Structures are given as C-alpha cells and as structure tokens.
Amino acid sequence: MSKIYKIILFVFVLMTVGIIGYYFFAISRNYSLGENGESFFVPSPSEPKFEIKTKNGKVTVNNIYKNPIKNLSQSGVRFLENESYIADFYPQDQGFLMVIENSDVQSARDMLEKDFLEVLGISEKEACKLKITLSVPFGVNEDLAGENYGLSFCPDGKKFFENQ
C-alpha cells in the first residue's frame, strides 16, 4: 500500500469519525437519561418555544427554560413563584407540579391558572392536555392536603370545596 493511499485512508477515517461524533453530540446535547435509562428531551434556553408530548398529541408552549426562577434537579425548572403558589416543570415525565401556598386556596388557584396560561402562551383546552399535579400542602390546609386537584377548568379538575 502506497504512502499516499495510507494518508488518504487515514484522513477519510478521521473525517468520518469526526462527522459521526459531531452528529452524535449535536443530536444528544438536549437529551438526558432518566433513572430507568430512558432518554428525555431538555429544551434549550435559546429556543422561543418547545413541544410537550401528551397522551392527546403535542402542545407547543413558550420556553420556560429561557428565564427560569430556579433550576431544579432532574433538569426541572421553576417558572412561576410568589407567596401564593409555585409551578415547576419536569421534562422527564413531561409534567407540571403546582403547589398552592396560600390559605385562600381558591384565589391562589385562580391566579396560578391565569399566570400558567399566560406564561406558557396556551389556551385552557391545550392546558387540559398536559400532565398536571396541583396540590395543597398539609401546612396550608389539612382538609385539602393529599389530593391532586388538577386545573379547575379541565374535565378532571377537582373542586376544593363542595359548594363551589
């Protein structure tokens, strides 16, 4: 084998490995591994929107990773927080965790739902497709603790009190 042929072969192999490595890095940079080894998409803060997969199709939302209030474990992000509530997103299960932290639970829920729709840039109908856990801690209201109330305007949303 001639010296030129060896050099050309070496350069070709090097370029092929480089292209494959770059492709793998570029594709996998927004993916993380969950506890069970399953990969999940972590949105890039540079994109204006991203898609959330649901049982009923995809929902496109404003990118809450652009200006997070707090970065959480498991690539989660806190995107709403005040004295009345918090709202987090976890990409591993494509789900939202919302916690009411005000004893006036109904007013806090109303504000949370309004802000949630506004920040994500979605309609109530789209929000109802999302995986949402909305809870009230024991320290806020003993009677309401331990339940997932969901969003009040969704078919699976639960009322806090019977007389609502």
Protein backbone atom coordinates (compact mmCIF):
# COMPACT_ATOMS: atom_id res chain seq x y z
CA MET A 1 0.00 0.00 0.00
CA SER A 2 1.46 3.35 -1.00
CA LYS A 3 2.14 6.11 1.48
CA ILE A 4 -0.35 8.49 -0.25
CA TYR A 5 -3.09 5.85 -0.12
CA LYS A 6 -2.49 5.38 3.65
CA ILE A 7 -2.67 9.14 4.23
CA ILE A 8 -5.91 9.45 2.24
CA LEU A 9 -7.42 6.49 4.09
CA PHE A 10 -6.35 7.96 7.46
CA VAL A 11 -7.86 11.38 6.60
CA PHE A 12 -11.09 9.73 5.39
CA VAL A 13 -11.44 7.66 8.59
CA LEU A 14 -10.65 10.70 10.73
CA MET A 15 -13.26 12.82 8.92
CA THR A 16 -15.88 10.07 9.20
CA VAL A 17 -15.29 9.68 12.93
CA GLY A 18 -15.40 13.47 13.33
CA ILE A 19 -18.70 13.79 11.44
CA ILE A 20 -20.28 10.94 13.39
CA GLY A 21 -19.02 12.39 16.69
CA TYR A 22 -20.33 15.86 15.84
CA TYR A 23 -23.70 14.46 14.76
CA PHE A 24 -24.00 12.44 17.97
CA PHE A 25 -23.04 15.44 20.11
CA ALA A 26 -25.38 17.84 18.29
CA ILE A 27 -28.33 15.46 18.48
CA SER A 28 -27.83 14.26 22.05
CA ARG A 29 -26.97 17.56 23.74
CA ASN A 30 -30.59 18.30 24.65
CA TYR A 31 -31.31 14.81 25.94
CA SER A 32 -30.72 13.43 29.42
CA LEU A 33 -31.08 9.99 30.92
CA GLY A 34 -33.75 9.25 33.48
CA GLU A 35 -33.47 6.84 36.38
CA ASN A 36 -34.56 3.89 34.24
CA GLY A 37 -32.05 4.76 31.49
CA GLU A 38 -34.72 6.24 29.22
CA SER A 39 -33.73 9.45 27.47
CA PHE A 40 -35.85 12.61 27.61
CA PHE A 41 -35.67 15.98 25.89
CA VAL A 42 -34.43 19.01 27.83
CA PRO A 43 -35.38 22.23 26.00
CA SER A 44 -32.61 24.63 25.03
CA PRO A 45 -32.96 28.11 26.57
CA SER A 46 -32.24 29.64 23.15
CA GLU A 47 -35.44 28.39 21.52
CA PRO A 48 -38.58 30.56 21.81
CA LYS A 49 -40.95 27.58 22.19
CA PHE A 50 -40.85 23.82 22.72
CA GLU A 51 -43.23 20.89 22.43
CA ILE A 52 -44.57 18.83 25.29
CA LYS A 53 -45.70 15.31 24.44
CA THR A 54 -49.07 14.28 25.85
CA LYS A 55 -51.47 11.35 25.51
CA ASN A 56 -53.54 13.56 23.21
CA GLY A 57 -50.75 14.87 20.97
CA LYS A 58 -48.19 17.62 21.36
CA VAL A 59 -48.70 21.03 22.95
CA THR A 60 -46.37 23.87 21.92
CA VAL A 61 -45.56 26.20 24.82
CA ASN A 62 -43.41 29.28 25.39
CA ASN A 63 -39.94 28.25 26.52
CA ILE A 64 -39.97 28.37 30.31
CA TYR A 65 -36.24 27.49 30.31
CA LYS A 66 -35.35 30.95 28.91
CA ASN A 67 -35.67 32.82 32.22
CA PRO A 68 -36.16 30.24 34.96
CA ILE A 69 -36.77 31.33 38.52
CA LYS A 70 -34.82 28.29 39.67
CA ASN A 71 -33.19 25.27 38.05
CA LEU A 72 -34.26 22.07 39.79
CA SER A 73 -32.98 18.50 39.98
CA GLN A 74 -33.73 16.11 37.12
CA SER A 75 -33.45 19.04 34.65
CA GLY A 76 -36.62 20.54 36.10
CA VAL A 77 -37.32 24.25 36.17
CA ARG A 78 -39.37 26.53 38.42
CA PHE A 79 -41.09 29.07 36.19
CA LEU A 80 -43.75 30.58 38.49
CA GLU A 81 -43.32 31.51 42.14
CA ASN A 82 -44.82 34.01 44.56
CA GLU A 83 -46.23 34.00 48.10
CA SER A 84 -49.36 32.16 46.90
CA TYR A 85 -48.04 29.35 44.68
CA ILE A 86 -45.19 27.71 42.80
CA ALA A 87 -45.16 25.93 39.44
CA ASP A 88 -42.42 23.60 38.20
CA PHE A 89 -41.88 21.60 35.01
CA TYR A 90 -40.05 18.26 34.83
CA PRO A 91 -39.10 17.15 31.31
CA GLN A 92 -38.53 13.52 32.30
CA ASP A 93 -42.27 12.88 32.63
CA GLN A 94 -43.36 15.96 30.63
CA GLY A 95 -45.32 17.03 33.71
CA PHE A 96 -46.06 20.10 35.78
CA LEU A 97 -46.09 20.25 39.57
CA MET A 98 -48.07 23.11 41.12
CA VAL A 99 -48.36 23.84 44.83
CA ILE A 100 -50.78 26.29 46.47
CA GLU A 101 -49.04 28.04 49.38
CA ASN A 102 -51.76 30.48 50.47
CA SER A 103 -54.63 29.71 52.86
CA ASP A 104 -57.01 31.48 50.45
CA VAL A 105 -56.66 28.45 48.21
CA GLN A 106 -59.32 29.37 45.66
CA SER A 107 -57.90 32.84 44.95
CA ALA A 108 -54.40 31.39 44.75
CA ARG A 109 -55.59 28.71 42.32
CA ASP A 110 -57.35 31.28 40.14
CA MET A 111 -54.17 33.41 39.97
CA LEU A 112 -51.99 30.36 39.34
CA GLU A 113 -54.16 29.12 36.48
CA LYS A 114 -54.27 32.58 34.86
CA ASP A 115 -50.49 33.03 35.14
CA PHE A 116 -49.85 29.46 33.94
CA LEU A 117 -51.83 30.01 30.73
CA GLU A 118 -50.21 33.39 30.17
CA VAL A 119 -46.60 32.28 30.73
CA LEU A 120 -46.97 29.15 28.59
CA GLY A 121 -48.96 31.03 25.92
CA ILE A 122 -51.63 28.34 25.66
CA SER A 123 -55.41 28.04 25.84
CA GLU A 124 -57.44 26.25 28.51
CA LYS A 125 -58.14 23.48 26.01
CA GLU A 126 -54.41 22.97 25.38
CA ALA A 127 -53.67 23.12 29.12
CA CYS A 128 -56.14 20.30 29.73
CA LYS A 129 -53.99 18.02 27.55
CA LEU A 130 -50.97 18.48 29.83
CA LYS A 131 -49.95 16.30 32.77
CA ILE A 132 -50.55 18.49 35.82
CA THR A 133 -50.41 17.82 39.53
CA LEU A 134 -51.89 20.63 41.63
CA SER A 135 -51.76 20.12 45.38
CA VAL A 136 -52.22 21.89 48.70
CA PRO A 137 -49.72 21.09 51.49
CA PHE A 138 -50.93 19.95 54.91
CA GLY A 139 -49.50 23.11 56.49
CA VAL A 140 -51.70 25.29 54.27
CA ASN A 141 -54.96 23.35 54.67
CA GLU A 142 -55.22 19.98 56.45
CA ASP A 143 -58.55 19.13 54.83
CA LEU A 144 -57.31 19.66 51.27
CA ALA A 145 -53.89 18.02 51.59
CA GLY A 146 -53.05 14.76 49.83
CA GLU A 147 -55.11 15.27 46.66
CA ASN A 148 -54.30 16.12 43.06
CA TYR A 149 -56.80 18.82 42.13
CA GLY A 150 -55.66 19.47 38.56
CA LEU A 151 -56.83 22.61 36.77
CA SER A 152 -60.31 23.82 37.70
CA PHE A 153 -61.39 24.34 34.08
CA CYS A 154 -60.41 20.82 32.94
CA PRO A 155 -62.80 17.85 32.97
CA ASP A 156 -60.61 16.01 35.50
CA GLY A 157 -60.14 19.10 37.71
CA LYS A 158 -61.49 18.77 41.25
CA LYS A 159 -63.15 21.48 43.32
CA PHE A 160 -61.60 22.41 46.64
CA PHE A 161 -64.98 22.62 48.35
CA GLU A 162 -68.37 21.05 47.59
CA ASN A 163 -70.24 24.37 47.48
CA GLN A 164 -68.19 25.69 44.52
